C-alpha atoms as a PDB file:
ATOM      1  CA  MET A   1      -0.257  -0.444  -0.334  1.00  0.00           C
ATOM      2  CA  ILE A   2       1.293   3.808  -0.788  1.00  0.00           C
ATOM      3  CA  SER A   3       1.854   5.070   2.165  1.00  0.00           C
ATOM      4  CA  LYS A   4       0.257   9.346   3.329  1.00  0.00           C
ATOM      5  CA  LYS A   5       3.477  10.609   2.613  1.00  0.00           C
ATOM      6  CA  ASP A   6       3.751   9.539  -0.679  1.00  0.00           C
ATOM      7  CA  VAL A   7       0.189  10.852  -1.497  1.00  0.00           C
ATOM      8  CA  ARG A   8       1.796  14.212   0.078  1.00  0.00           C
ATOM      9  CA  HIS A   9       4.533  14.034  -1.831  1.00  0.00           C
ATOM     10  CA  ILE A  10       3.190  12.962  -5.030  1.00  0.00           C
ATOM     11  CA  ALA A  11       0.724  15.914  -4.677  1.00  0.00           C
ATOM     12  CA  LYS A  12       3.577  18.495  -3.944  1.00  0.00           C
ATOM     13  CA  LEU A  13       4.816  17.592  -7.157  1.00  0.00           C
ATOM     14  CA  ALA A  14       1.573  17.748  -8.489  1.00  0.00           C
ATOM     15  CA  ARG A  15       1.047  21.642  -6.986  1.00  0.00           C
ATOM     16  CA  ILE A  16      -2.677  20.342  -5.069  1.00  0.00           C
ATOM     17  CA  SER A  17      -3.528  21.107  -1.831  1.00  0.00           C
ATOM     18  CA  LEU A  18      -5.003  18.181   0.024  1.00  0.00           C
ATOM     19  CA  THR A  19      -7.507  17.562   3.224  1.00  0.00           C
ATOM     20  CA  GLU A  20      -6.394  14.540   5.962  1.00  0.00           C
ATOM     21  CA  LYS A  21      -9.573  13.500   4.518  1.00  0.00           C
ATOM     22  CA  GLU A  22      -8.529  13.169   1.093  1.00  0.00           C
ATOM     23  CA  ILE A  23      -5.196  12.149   1.706  1.00  0.00           C
ATOM     24  CA  GLU A  24      -6.439   8.913   2.320  1.00  0.00           C
ATOM     25  CA  LYS A  25      -9.184   8.241  -0.305  1.00  0.00           C
ATOM     26  CA  PHE A  26      -5.478   8.816  -2.595  1.00  0.00           C
ATOM     27  CA  GLN A  27      -3.307   6.320  -0.914  1.00  0.00           C
ATOM     28  CA  LYS A  28      -6.462   2.981  -0.992  1.00  0.00           C
ATOM     29  CA  GLU A  29      -7.013   4.804  -4.673  1.00  0.00           C
ATOM     30  CA  LEU A  30      -3.495   5.008  -6.201  1.00  0.00           C
ATOM     31  CA  SER A  31      -2.337   1.680  -4.246  1.00  0.00           C
ATOM     32  CA  LEU A  32      -5.345  -0.719  -5.631  1.00  0.00           C
ATOM     33  CA  ILE A  33      -4.388   1.143  -9.230  1.00  0.00           C
ATOM     34  CA  LEU A  34      -0.733  -0.113  -8.361  1.00  0.00           C
ATOM     35  CA  ASP A  35      -2.137  -3.509  -7.443  1.00  0.00           C
ATOM     36  CA  TYR A  36      -3.822  -3.631 -10.858  1.00  0.00           C
ATOM     37  CA  VAL A  37      -0.794  -2.739 -12.632  1.00  0.00           C
ATOM     38  CA  GLU A  38       1.144  -5.184 -10.991  1.00  0.00           C
ATOM     39  CA  LYS A  39      -1.956  -7.400 -11.808  1.00  0.00           C
ATOM     40  CA  LEU A  40      -1.014  -6.938 -15.459  1.00  0.00           C
ATOM     41  CA  LYS A  41       2.421  -7.829 -15.421  1.00  0.00           C
ATOM     42  CA  GLU A  42       1.391 -10.977 -15.228  1.00  0.00           C
ATOM     43  CA  VAL A  43      -0.311 -11.830 -18.309  1.00  0.00           C
ATOM     44  CA  ASP A  44       1.475 -13.060 -21.676  1.00  0.00           C
ATOM     45  CA  ILE A  45       1.783 -11.329 -23.783  1.00  0.00           C
ATOM     46  CA  SER A  46       4.399 -12.740 -25.257  1.00  0.00           C
ATOM     47  CA  LYS A  47       1.528 -14.413 -28.597  1.00  0.00           C
ATOM     48  CA  VAL A  48      -0.605 -11.514 -28.477  1.00  0.00           C
ATOM     49  CA  GLN A  49       0.387  -9.018 -31.639  1.00  0.00           C
ATOM     50  CA  ALA A  50       0.455  -6.000 -31.538  1.00  0.00           C
ATOM     51  CA  THR A  51      -2.784  -3.668 -33.683  1.00  0.00           C
ATOM     52  CA  PHE A  52      -1.753  -0.536 -33.057  1.00  0.00           C
ATOM     53  CA  HIS A  53       1.243   2.019 -33.535  1.00  0.00           C
ATOM     54  CA  LEU A  54       1.867   5.680 -34.223  1.00  0.00           C
ATOM     55  CA  ILE A  55       4.784   5.644 -36.441  1.00  0.00           C
ATOM     56  CA  PRO A  56       3.774   4.136 -39.467  1.00  0.00           C
ATOM     57  CA  LYS A  57       3.838   0.530 -41.076  1.00  0.00           C
ATOM     58  CA  VAL A  58       5.705   2.639 -43.789  1.00  0.00           C
ATOM     59  CA  THR A  59       7.693   4.605 -41.882  1.00  0.00           C
ATOM     60  CA  LEU A  60       8.803   1.340 -39.640  1.00  0.00           C
ATOM     61  CA  GLU A  61       9.898  -0.145 -43.202  1.00  0.00           C
ATOM     62  CA  LYS A  62      11.824   2.313 -45.080  1.00  0.00           C
ATOM     63  CA  GLY A  63      13.193   3.746 -41.999  1.00  0.00           C
ATOM     64  CA  MET A  64      13.131   7.087 -40.620  1.00  0.00           C
ATOM     65  CA  ARG A  65      14.344  10.351 -43.028  1.00  0.00           C
ATOM     66  CA  GLU A  66      17.472  12.656 -42.623  1.00  0.00           C
ATOM     67  CA  ASP A  67      17.282  15.246 -40.884  1.00  0.00           C
ATOM     68  CA  VAL A  68      18.853  18.233 -42.833  1.00  0.00           C
ATOM     69  CA  ALA A  69      17.784  22.092 -42.723  1.00  0.00           C
ATOM     70  CA  LYS A  70      16.396  23.024 -46.358  1.00  0.00           C
ATOM     71  CA  LYS A  71      17.079  25.826 -47.267  1.00  0.00           C
ATOM     72  CA  ARG A  72      15.454  28.631 -46.938  1.00  0.00           C
ATOM     73  CA  ASP A  73      13.514  31.634 -48.893  1.00  0.00           C
ATOM     74  CA  ILE A  74      15.221  34.875 -47.736  1.00  0.00           C
ATOM     75  CA  GLU A  75      12.836  36.870 -49.066  1.00  0.00           C
ATOM     76  CA  MET A  76      10.223  34.858 -47.501  1.00  0.00           C
ATOM     77  CA  LEU A  77      11.252  34.815 -43.948  1.00  0.00           C
ATOM     78  CA  LYS A  78      12.190  38.832 -44.761  1.00  0.00           C
ATOM     79  CA  ARG A  79       8.767  39.130 -45.697  1.00  0.00           C
ATOM     80  CA  LEU A  80       7.119  36.929 -43.033  1.00  0.00           C
ATOM     81  CA  ILE A  81       8.951  38.838 -40.217  1.00  0.00           C
ATOM     82  CA  LYS A  82       7.945  42.293 -41.456  1.00  0.00           C
ATOM     83  CA  ALA A  83       4.648  41.075 -41.792  1.00  0.00           C
ATOM     84  CA  ALA A  84       4.317  40.233 -37.354  1.00  0.00           C
ATOM     85  CA  PRO A  85       2.807  42.828 -34.926  1.00  0.00           C
ATOM     86  CA  GLU A  86       5.788  42.492 -32.961  1.00  0.00           C
ATOM     87  CA  THR A  87       9.455  40.900 -33.232  1.00  0.00           C
ATOM     88  CA  LYS A  88      12.832  40.778 -31.750  1.00  0.00           C
ATOM     89  CA  GLU A  89      15.213  40.258 -34.707  1.00  0.00           C
ATOM     90  CA  THR A  90      14.905  37.759 -37.065  1.00  0.00           C
ATOM     91  CA  TYR A  91      11.719  36.010 -34.257  1.00  0.00           C
ATOM     92  CA  ILE A  92       8.437  36.910 -34.416  1.00  0.00           C
ATOM     93  CA  LYS A  93       7.733  37.777 -30.812  1.00  0.00           C
ATOM     94  CA  VAL A  94       3.921  35.773 -29.582  1.00  0.00           C
ATOM     95  CA  LYS A  95       2.008  36.120 -25.788  1.00  0.00           C
ATOM     96  CA  SER A  96       3.366  33.804 -22.865  1.00  0.00           C
ATOM     97  CA  VAL A  97       1.198  31.194 -22.572  1.00  0.00           C
ATOM     98  CA  PHE A  98       1.648  30.669 -18.538  1.00  0.00           C
END
């Protein structure tokens, strides 16, 4: 079973505050989840064929492309920078998301 200290640590990492009642609740729930994961590890999946993959099969067969910088159209970049509402050097400034 996961300890209350572990729950407090996880809550601190997630930057959430929990009451003592919530700590007890999450202690039980997280323990149940971890127990279930341990049960899943016992299942033999060696003969199960994968049915889904994020990388398309074509990419896996051909291999990944070489990471090479493309030629840039300097005039197009200048027009884009000039059209932007706010810039700094050769970068377009945007509002922060945090």
